[in-house]
Amino acid sequence: ITFYSSDDMENWQHEGRVFAGEPEWAKEVAPEF
């Protein structure tokens, strides 16, 4: 999940990602995730 921040909805700063890796359960649900 990528995310950004802005103080005016015009100029956006890339803040990185929410999950450094992936949810622990992801491949149990979708093995090809």
PDB file of all heavy atoms in Angstrom:
ATOM      1  N   ILE A   1       0.855  -1.199   0.000  1.00  0.00           N
ATOM      2  CA  ILE A   1       0.000   0.000   0.000  1.00  0.00           C
ATOM      3  C   ILE A   1       0.885   1.240   0.000  1.00  0.00           C
ATOM      4  O   ILE A   1       1.555   1.561   0.985  1.00  0.00           O
ATOM      5  CB  ILE A   1      -0.987   0.085   1.176  1.00  0.00           C
ATOM      6  CG1 ILE A   1      -1.829  -1.170   1.297  1.00  0.00           C
ATOM      7  CG2 ILE A   1      -1.886   1.317   1.017  1.00  0.00           C
ATOM      8  CD1 ILE A   1      -2.745  -1.167   2.521  1.00  0.00           C
ATOM      9  N   THR A   2       0.897   1.951  -1.101  1.00  0.00           N
ATOM     10  CA  THR A   2       1.698   3.162  -1.183  1.00  0.00           C
ATOM     11  C   THR A   2       0.892   4.358  -0.683  1.00  0.00           C
ATOM     12  O   THR A   2      -0.328   4.384  -0.796  1.00  0.00           O
ATOM     13  CB  THR A   2       2.143   3.424  -2.623  1.00  0.00           C
ATOM     14  OG1 THR A   2       0.996   3.417  -3.481  1.00  0.00           O
ATOM     15  CG2 THR A   2       3.104   2.352  -3.089  1.00  0.00           C
ATOM     16  N   PHE A   3       1.598   5.338  -0.099  1.00  0.00           N
ATOM     17  CA  PHE A   3       0.864   6.513   0.367  1.00  0.00           C
ATOM     18  C   PHE A   3       1.695   7.777   0.235  1.00  0.00           C
ATOM     19  O   PHE A   3       2.919   7.752   0.123  1.00  0.00           O
ATOM     20  CB  PHE A   3       0.335   6.311   1.783  1.00  0.00           C
ATOM     21  CG  PHE A   3       1.347   6.345   2.893  1.00  0.00           C
ATOM     22  CD1 PHE A   3       1.378   7.404   3.792  1.00  0.00           C
ATOM     23  CD2 PHE A   3       2.233   5.295   3.085  1.00  0.00           C
ATOM     24  CE1 PHE A   3       2.285   7.425   4.833  1.00  0.00           C
ATOM     25  CE2 PHE A   3       3.134   5.300   4.135  1.00  0.00           C
ATOM     26  CZ  PHE A   3       3.165   6.383   5.006  1.00  0.00           C
ATOM     27  N   TYR A   4       0.977   8.901   0.232  1.00  0.00           N
ATOM     28  CA  TYR A   4       1.508  10.231  -0.046  1.00  0.00           C
ATOM     29  C   TYR A   4       0.882  11.225   0.915  1.00  0.00           C
ATOM     30  O   TYR A   4      -0.184  10.974   1.473  1.00  0.00           O
ATOM     31  CB  TYR A   4       1.185  10.644  -1.495  1.00  0.00           C
ATOM     32  CG  TYR A   4       1.726   9.704  -2.529  1.00  0.00           C
ATOM     33  CD1 TYR A   4       1.073   8.504  -2.813  1.00  0.00           C
ATOM     34  CD2 TYR A   4       2.906   9.982  -3.208  1.00  0.00           C
ATOM     35  CE1 TYR A   4       1.581   7.613  -3.739  1.00  0.00           C
ATOM     36  CE2 TYR A   4       3.420   9.103  -4.140  1.00  0.00           C
ATOM     37  CZ  TYR A   4       2.758   7.909  -4.396  1.00  0.00           C
ATOM     38  OH  TYR A   4       3.273   7.029  -5.305  1.00  0.00           O
ATOM     39  N   SER A   5       1.528  12.374   1.060  1.00  0.00           N
ATOM     40  CA  SER A   5       0.984  13.442   1.900  1.00  0.00           C
ATOM     41  C   SER A   5       1.034  14.759   1.134  1.00  0.00           C
ATOM     42  O   SER A   5       1.860  14.953   0.242  1.00  0.00           O
ATOM     43  CB  SER A   5       1.752  13.564   3.213  1.00  0.00           C
ATOM     44  OG  SER A   5       3.086  13.999   2.972  1.00  0.00           O
ATOM     45  N   SER A   6       0.133  15.683   1.514  1.00  0.00           N
ATOM     46  CA  SER A   6       0.053  16.983   0.855  1.00  0.00           C
ATOM     47  C   SER A   6      -0.611  17.971   1.803  1.00  0.00           C
ATOM     48  O   SER A   6      -1.442  17.595   2.630  1.00  0.00           O
ATOM     49  CB  SER A   6      -0.783  16.868  -0.424  1.00  0.00           C
ATOM     50  OG  SER A   6      -1.033  18.144  -0.984  1.00  0.00           O
ATOM     51  N   ASP A   7      -0.263  19.245   1.665  1.00  0.00           N
ATOM     52  CA  ASP A   7      -0.962  20.268   2.451  1.00  0.00           C
ATOM     53  C   ASP A   7      -1.932  21.076   1.594  1.00  0.00           C
ATOM     54  O   ASP A   7      -2.558  22.014   2.078  1.00  0.00           O
ATOM     55  CB  ASP A   7       0.023  21.198   3.165  1.00  0.00           C
ATOM     56  CG  ASP A   7       0.945  21.943   2.204  1.00  0.00           C
ATOM     57  OD1 ASP A   7       0.743  21.852   0.977  1.00  0.00           O
ATOM     58  OD2 ASP A   7       1.869  22.615   2.695  1.00  0.00           O
ATOM     59  N   ASP A   8      -2.068  20.692   0.303  1.00  0.00           N
ATOM     60  CA  ASP A   8      -2.938  21.479  -0.567  1.00  0.00           C
ATOM     61  C   ASP A   8      -3.686  20.655  -1.621  1.00  0.00           C
ATOM     62  O   ASP A   8      -4.386  21.221  -2.464  1.00  0.00           O
ATOM     63  CB  ASP A   8      -2.134  22.575  -1.274  1.00  0.00           C
ATOM     64  CG  ASP A   8      -0.980  22.022  -2.100  1.00  0.00           C
ATOM     65  OD1 ASP A   8      -0.878  20.788  -2.264  1.00  0.00           O
ATOM     66  OD2 ASP A   8      -0.178  22.847  -2.608  1.00  0.00           O
ATOM     67  N   MET A   9      -3.557  19.327  -1.598  1.00  0.00           N
ATOM     68  CA  MET A   9      -4.125  18.437  -2.614  1.00  0.00           C
ATOM     69  C   MET A   9      -3.567  18.716  -4.008  1.00  0.00           C
ATOM     70  O   MET A   9      -4.131  18.303  -5.006  1.00  0.00           O
ATOM     71  CB  MET A   9      -5.663  18.498  -2.644  1.00  0.00           C
ATOM     72  CG  MET A   9      -6.312  17.790  -1.483  1.00  0.00           C
ATOM     73  SD  MET A   9      -8.084  17.493  -1.706  1.00  0.00           S
ATOM     74  CE  MET A   9      -8.749  19.142  -1.512  1.00  0.00           C
ATOM     75  N   GLU A  10      -2.465  19.431  -4.069  1.00  0.00           N
ATOM     76  CA  GLU A  10      -1.810  19.743  -5.345  1.00  0.00           C
ATOM     77  C   GLU A  10      -0.440  19.089  -5.435  1.00  0.00           C
ATOM     78  O   GLU A  10      -0.107  18.443  -6.417  1.00  0.00           O
ATOM     79  CB  GLU A  10      -1.619  21.258  -5.494  1.00  0.00           C
ATOM     80  CG  GLU A  10      -2.878  22.066  -5.498  1.00  0.00           C
ATOM     81  CD  GLU A  10      -2.575  23.550  -5.638  1.00  0.00           C
ATOM     82  OE1 GLU A  10      -1.386  23.912  -5.799  1.00  0.00           O
ATOM     83  OE2 GLU A  10      -3.516  24.338  -5.577  1.00  0.00           O
ATOM     84  N   ASN A  11       0.371  19.328  -4.420  1.00  0.00           N
ATOM     85  CA  ASN A  11       1.759  18.869  -4.397  1.00  0.00           C
ATOM     86  C   ASN A  11       1.867  17.720  -3.404  1.00  0.00           C
ATOM     87  O   ASN A  11       1.606  17.900  -2.211  1.00  0.00           O
ATOM     88  CB  ASN A  11       2.672  20.015  -3.976  1.00  0.00           C
ATOM     89  CG  ASN A  11       2.523  21.211  -4.894  1.00  0.00           C
ATOM     90  OD1 ASN A  11       3.037  21.230  -5.998  1.00  0.00           O
ATOM     91  ND2 ASN A  11       1.786  22.223  -4.435  1.00  0.00           N
ATOM     92  N   TRP A  12       2.260  16.545  -3.924  1.00  0.00           N
ATOM     93  CA  TRP A  12       2.233  15.324  -3.114  1.00  0.00           C
ATOM     94  C   TRP A  12       3.643  14.799  -2.870  1.00  0.00           C
ATOM     95  O   TRP A  12       4.451  14.720  -3.776  1.00  0.00           O
ATOM     96  CB  TRP A  12       1.400  14.263  -3.815  1.00  0.00           C
ATOM     97  CG  TRP A  12      -0.046  14.633  -3.886  1.00  0.00           C
ATOM     98  CD1 TRP A  12      -0.677  15.313  -4.897  1.00  0.00           C
ATOM     99  CD2 TRP A  12      -1.032  14.368  -2.903  1.00  0.00           C
ATOM    100  NE1 TRP A  12      -2.003  15.478  -4.597  1.00  0.00           N
ATOM    101  CE2 TRP A  12      -2.256  14.913  -3.386  1.00  0.00           C
ATOM    102  CE3 TRP A  12      -1.024  13.734  -1.662  1.00  0.00           C
ATOM    103  CZ2 TRP A  12      -3.445  14.832  -2.670  1.00  0.00           C
ATOM    104  CZ3 TRP A  12      -2.210  13.643  -0.949  1.00  0.00           C
ATOM    105  CH2 TRP A  12      -3.402  14.181  -1.446  1.00  0.00           C
ATOM    106  N   GLN A  13       3.882  14.402  -1.636  1.00  0.00           N
ATOM    107  CA  GLN A  13       5.172  13.818  -1.260  1.00  0.00           C
ATOM    108  C   GLN A  13       4.996  12.322  -1.032  1.00  0.00           C
ATOM    109  O   GLN A  13       4.115  11.903  -0.281  1.00  0.00           O
ATOM    110  CB  GLN A  13       5.695  14.469   0.014  1.00  0.00           C
ATOM    111  CG  GLN A  13       7.047  13.926   0.461  1.00  0.00           C
ATOM    112  CD  GLN A  13       7.682  14.825   1.495  1.00  0.00           C
ATOM    113  OE1 GLN A  13       8.205  15.895   1.193  1.00  0.00           O
ATOM    114  NE2 GLN A  13       7.631  14.386   2.748  1.00  0.00           N
ATOM    115  N   HIS A  14       5.817  11.525  -1.697  1.00  0.00           N
ATOM    116  CA  HIS A  14       5.753  10.076  -1.536  1.00  0.00           C
ATOM    117  C   HIS A  14       6.270   9.701  -0.147  1.00  0.00           C
ATOM    118  O   HIS A  14       7.404  10.010   0.212  1.00  0.00           O
ATOM    119  CB  HIS A  14       6.601   9.408  -2.625  1.00  0.00           C
ATOM    120  CG  HIS A  14       6.525   7.925  -2.611  1.00  0.00           C
ATOM    121  ND1 HIS A  14       7.558   7.121  -3.037  1.00  0.00           N
ATOM    122  CD2 HIS A  14       5.543   7.084  -2.220  1.00  0.00           C
ATOM    123  CE1 HIS A  14       7.213   5.852  -2.907  1.00  0.00           C
ATOM    124  NE2 HIS A  14       6.000   5.803  -2.411  1.00  0.00           N
ATOM    125  N   GLU A  15       5.431   9.022   0.639  1.00  0.00           N
ATOM    126  CA  GLU A  15       5.790   8.686   2.018  1.00  0.00           C
ATOM    127  C   GLU A  15       6.240   7.243   2.184  1.00  0.00           C
ATOM    128  O   GLU A  15       6.600   6.836   3.279  1.00  0.00           O
ATOM    129  CB  GLU A  15       4.590   8.955   2.942  1.00  0.00           C
ATOM    130  CG  GLU A  15       4.166  10.420   3.015  1.00  0.00           C
ATOM    131  CD  GLU A  15       5.150  11.283   3.787  1.00  0.00           C
ATOM    132  OE1 GLU A  15       6.113  10.726   4.365  1.00  0.00           O
ATOM    133  OE2 GLU A  15       4.967  12.506   3.811  1.00  0.00           O
ATOM    134  N   GLY A  16       6.180   6.459   1.110  1.00  0.00           N
ATOM    135  CA  GLY A  16       6.628   5.070   1.232  1.00  0.00           C
ATOM    136  C   GLY A  16       5.475   4.094   1.156  1.00  0.00           C
ATOM    137  O   GLY A  16       4.552   4.252   0.358  1.00  0.00           O
ATOM    138  N   ARG A  17       5.523   3.090   2.016  1.00  0.00           N
ATOM    139  CA  ARG A  17       4.511   2.034   2.008  1.00  0.00           C
ATOM    140  C   ARG A  17       4.070   1.732   3.432  1.00  0.00           C
ATOM    141  O   ARG A  17       4.834   1.905   4.389  1.00  0.00           O
ATOM    142  CB  ARG A  17       5.053   0.781   1.324  1.00  0.00           C
ATOM    143  CG  ARG A  17       6.391   0.321   1.818  1.00  0.00           C
ATOM    144  CD  ARG A  17       7.008  -0.740   0.920  1.00  0.00           C
ATOM    145  NE  ARG A  17       6.358  -2.026   1.047  1.00  0.00           N
ATOM    146  CZ  ARG A  17       6.583  -3.057   0.237  1.00  0.00           C
ATOM    147  NH1 ARG A  17       7.428  -2.945  -0.774  1.00  0.00           N
ATOM    148  NH2 ARG A  17       5.960  -4.206   0.411  1.00  0.00           N
ATOM    149  N   VAL A  18       2.852   1.252   3.575  1.00  0.00           N
ATOM    150  CA  VAL A  18       2.302   0.952   4.898  1.00  0.00           C
ATOM    151  C   VAL A  18       2.901  -0.336   5.444  1.00  0.00           C
ATOM    152  O   VAL A  18       3.342  -0.399   6.589  1.00  0.00           O
ATOM    153  CB  VAL A  18       0.763   0.864   4.826  1.00  0.00           C
ATOM    154  CG1 VAL A  18       0.194   0.331   6.138  1.00  0.00           C
ATOM    155  CG2 VAL A  18       0.170   2.227   4.486  1.00  0.00           C
ATOM    156  N   PHE A  19       2.898  -1.394   4.637  1.00  0.00           N
ATOM    157  CA  PHE A  19       3.487  -2.671   5.039  1.00  0.00           C
ATOM    158  C   PHE A  19       4.902  -2.761   4.482  1.00  0.00           C
ATOM    159  O   PHE A  19       5.099  -2.674   3.261  1.00  0.00           O
ATOM    160  CB  PHE A  19       2.673  -3.847   4.495  1.00  0.00           C
ATOM    161  CG  PHE A  19       1.376  -4.104   5.204  1.00  0.00           C
ATOM    162  CD1 PHE A  19       0.218  -3.438   4.817  1.00  0.00           C
ATOM    163  CD2 PHE A  19       1.312  -5.004   6.257  1.00  0.00           C
ATOM    164  CE1 PHE A  19      -0.983  -3.677   5.462  1.00  0.00           C
ATOM    165  CE2 PHE A  19       0.125  -5.252   6.910  1.00  0.00           C
ATOM    166  CZ  PHE A  19      -1.039  -4.582   6.512  1.00  0.00           C
ATOM    167  N   ALA A  20       5.876  -2.945   5.351  1.00  0.00           N
ATOM    168  CA  ALA A  20       7.254  -3.103   4.876  1.00  0.00           C
ATOM    169  C   ALA A  20       7.384  -4.375   4.050  1.00  0.00           C
ATOM    170  O   ALA A  20       8.131  -4.424   3.065  1.00  0.00           O
ATOM    171  CB  ALA A  20       8.206  -3.146   6.056  1.00  0.00           C
ATOM    172  N   GLY A  21       6.643  -5.404   4.433  1.00  0.00           N
ATOM    173  CA  GLY A  21       6.616  -6.661   3.690  1.00  0.00           C
ATOM    174  C   GLY A  21       5.214  -6.926   3.191  1.00  0.00           C
ATOM    175  O   GLY A  21       4.707  -6.234   2.319  1.00  0.00           O
ATOM    176  N   GLU A  22       4.583  -7.913   3.756  1.00  0.00           N
ATOM    177  CA  GLU A  22       3.209  -8.239   3.402  1.00  0.00           C
ATOM    178  C   GLU A  22       2.509  -8.807   4.633  1.00  0.00           C
ATOM    179  O   GLU A  22       3.163  -9.246   5.589  1.00  0.00           O
ATOM    180  CB  GLU A  22       3.179  -9.266   2.269  1.00  0.00           C
ATOM    181  CG  GLU A  22       3.844 -10.582   2.633  1.00  0.00           C
ATOM    182  CD  GLU A  22       3.999 -11.513   1.445  1.00  0.00           C
ATOM    183  OE1 GLU A  22       4.417 -11.050   0.371  1.00  0.00           O
ATOM    184  OE2 GLU A  22       3.710 -12.715   1.603  1.00  0.00           O
ATOM    185  N   PRO A  23       1.181  -8.785   4.678  1.00  0.00           N
ATOM    186  CA  PRO A  23       0.470  -9.381   5.816  1.00  0.00           C
ATOM    187  C   PRO A  23       0.847 -10.852   5.983  1.00  0.00           C
ATOM    188  O   PRO A  23       1.013 -11.577   4.996  1.00  0.00           O
ATOM    189  CB  PRO A  23      -1.006  -9.232   5.423  1.00  0.00           C
ATOM    190  CG  PRO A  23      -1.032  -8.097   4.453  1.00  0.00           C
ATOM    191  CD  PRO A  23       0.256  -8.186   3.688  1.00  0.00           C
ATOM    192  N   GLU A  24       0.981 -11.288   7.210  1.00  0.00           N
ATOM    193  CA  GLU A  24       1.430 -12.655   7.478  1.00  0.00           C
ATOM    194  C   GLU A  24       0.513 -13.699   6.856  1.00  0.00           C
ATOM    195  O   GLU A  24       0.956 -14.780   6.477  1.00  0.00           O
ATOM    196  CB  GLU A  24       1.520 -12.881   8.993  1.00  0.00           C
ATOM    197  CG  GLU A  24       2.603 -12.060   9.682  1.00  0.00           C
ATOM    198  CD  GLU A  24       2.664 -12.334  11.174  1.00  0.00           C
ATOM    199  OE1 GLU A  24       1.841 -13.136  11.666  1.00  0.00           O
ATOM    200  OE2 GLU A  24       3.534 -11.745  11.841  1.00  0.00           O
ATOM    201  N   TRP A  25      -0.764 -13.372   6.742  1.00  0.00           N
ATOM    202  CA  TRP A  25      -1.745 -14.345   6.288  1.00  0.00           C
ATOM    203  C   TRP A  25      -1.967 -14.343   4.780  1.00  0.00           C
ATOM    204  O   TRP A  25      -2.714 -15.172   4.247  1.00  0.00           O
ATOM    205  CB  TRP A  25      -3.088 -14.087   6.976  1.00  0.00           C
ATOM    206  CG  TRP A  25      -3.550 -12.654   6.868  1.00  0.00           C
ATOM    207  CD1 TRP A  25      -3.311 -11.647   7.748  1.00  0.00           C
ATOM    208  CD2 TRP A  25      -4.300 -12.082   5.787  1.00  0.00           C
ATOM    209  NE1 TRP A  25      -3.877 -10.467   7.308  1.00  0.00           N
ATOM    210  CE2 TRP A  25      -4.497 -10.718   6.103  1.00  0.00           C
ATOM    211  CE3 TRP A  25      -4.839 -12.582   4.606  1.00  0.00           C
ATOM    212  CZ2 TRP A  25      -5.196  -9.845   5.264  1.00  0.00           C
ATOM    213  CZ3 TRP A  25      -5.534 -11.721   3.770  1.00  0.00           C
ATOM    214  CH2 TRP A  25      -5.710 -10.373   4.103  1.00  0.00           C
ATOM    215  N   ALA A  26      -1.319 -13.431   4.051  1.00  0.00           N
ATOM    216  CA  ALA A  26      -1.648 -13.188   2.640  1.00  0.00           C
ATOM    217  C   ALA A  26      -1.532 -14.452   1.778  1.00  0.00           C
ATOM    218  O   ALA A  26      -2.441 -14.779   1.007  1.00  0.00           O
ATOM    219  CB  ALA A  26      -0.769 -12.082   2.081  1.00  0.00           C
ATOM    220  N   LYS A  27      -0.429 -15.173   1.882  1.00  0.00           N
ATOM    221  CA  LYS A  27      -0.233 -16.320   1.008  1.00  0.00           C
ATOM    222  C   LYS A  27      -1.045 -17.532   1.429  1.00  0.00           C
ATOM    223  O   LYS A  27      -1.205 -18.474   0.648  1.00  0.00           O
ATOM    224  CB  LYS A  27       1.258 -16.656   0.916  1.00  0.00           C
ATOM    225  CG  LYS A  27       2.014 -15.633   0.072  1.00  0.00           C
ATOM    226  CD  LYS A  27       3.422 -16.029  -0.229  1.00  0.00           C
ATOM    227  CE  LYS A  27       4.085 -14.995  -1.146  1.00  0.00           C
ATOM    228  NZ  LYS A  27       5.501 -15.299  -1.412  1.00  0.00           N
ATOM    229  N   GLU A  28      -1.577 -17.517   2.641  1.00  0.00           N
ATOM    230  CA  GLU A  28      -2.506 -18.576   3.025  1.00  0.00           C
ATOM    231  C   GLU A  28      -3.815 -18.416   2.271  1.00  0.00           C
ATOM    232  O   GLU A  28      -4.469 -19.398   1.902  1.00  0.00           O
ATOM    233  CB  GLU A  28      -2.756 -18.535   4.533  1.00  0.00           C
ATOM    234  CG  GLU A  28      -1.525 -18.830   5.370  1.00  0.00           C
ATOM    235  CD  GLU A  28      -1.805 -18.701   6.855  1.00  0.00           C
ATOM    236  OE1 GLU A  28      -2.997 -18.581   7.221  1.00  0.00           O
ATOM    237  OE2 GLU A  28      -0.846 -18.718   7.647  1.00  0.00           O
ATOM    238  N   VAL A  29      -4.211 -17.170   2.035  1.00  0.00           N
ATOM    239  CA  VAL A  29      -5.444 -16.889   1.300  1.00  0.00           C
ATOM    240  C   VAL A  29      -5.224 -17.011  -0.199  1.00  0.00           C
ATOM    241  O   VAL A  29      -6.023 -17.614  -0.914  1.00  0.00           O
ATOM    242  CB  VAL A  29      -5.949 -15.467   1.643  1.00  0.00           C
ATOM    243  CG1 VAL A  29      -7.054 -15.032   0.690  1.00  0.00           C
ATOM    244  CG2 VAL A  29      -6.415 -15.403   3.081  1.00  0.00           C
ATOM    245  N   ALA A  30      -4.139 -16.416  -0.688  1.00  0.00           N
ATOM    246  CA  ALA A  30      -3.846 -16.375  -2.123  1.00  0.00           C
ATOM    247  C   ALA A  30      -2.408 -16.834  -2.329  1.00  0.00           C
ATOM    248  O   ALA A  30      -1.478 -16.021  -2.263  1.00  0.00           O
ATOM    249  CB  ALA A  30      -4.054 -14.966  -2.667  1.00  0.00           C
ATOM    250  N   PRO A  31      -2.181 -18.124  -2.565  1.00  0.00           N
ATOM    251  CA  PRO A  31      -0.819 -18.658  -2.668  1.00  0.00           C
ATOM    252  C   PRO A  31       0.044 -17.961  -3.714  1.00  0.00           C
ATOM    253  O   PRO A  31       1.269 -17.941  -3.579  1.00  0.00           O
ATOM    254  CB  PRO A  31      -1.054 -20.126  -3.036  1.00  0.00           C
ATOM    255  CG  PRO A  31      -2.396 -20.444  -2.473  1.00  0.00           C
ATOM    256  CD  PRO A  31      -3.196 -19.193  -2.648  1.00  0.00           C
ATOM    257  N   GLU A  32      -0.575 -17.382  -4.750  1.00  0.00           N
ATOM    258  CA  GLU A  32       0.191 -16.707  -5.785  1.00  0.00           C
ATOM    259  C   GLU A  32       0.332 -15.212  -5.518  1.00  0.00           C
ATOM    260  O   GLU A  32       0.779 -14.461  -6.395  1.00  0.00           O
ATOM    261  CB  GLU A  32      -0.471 -16.942  -7.147  1.00  0.00           C
ATOM    262  CG  GLU A  32      -0.496 -18.410  -7.551  1.00  0.00           C
ATOM    263  CD  GLU A  32      -1.208 -18.638  -8.874  1.00  0.00           C
ATOM    264  OE1 GLU A  32      -1.407 -17.650  -9.612  1.00  0.00           O
ATOM    265  OE2 GLU A  32      -1.565 -19.793  -9.163  1.00  0.00           O
ATOM    266  N   PHE A  33      -0.015 -14.778  -4.334  1.00  0.00           N
ATOM    267  CA  PHE A  33       0.106 -13.363  -3.963  1.00  0.00           C
ATOM    268  C   PHE A  33       1.551 -12.902  -4.118  1.00  0.00           C
ATOM    269  O   PHE A  33       2.483 -13.570  -3.675  1.00  0.00           O
ATOM    270  CB  PHE A  33      -0.343 -13.176  -2.515  1.00  0.00           C
ATOM    271  CG  PHE A  33      -0.170 -11.779  -1.988  1.00  0.00           C
ATOM    272  CD1 PHE A  33      -0.981 -10.745  -2.411  1.00  0.00           C
ATOM    273  CD2 PHE A  33       0.817 -11.508  -1.051  1.00  0.00           C
ATOM    274  CE1 PHE A  33      -0.819  -9.471  -1.916  1.00  0.00           C
ATOM    275  CE2 PHE A  33       0.986 -10.228  -0.540  1.00  0.00           C
ATOM    276  CZ  PHE A  33       0.162  -9.212  -0.980  1.00  0.00           C
TER     277      PHE A  33
END
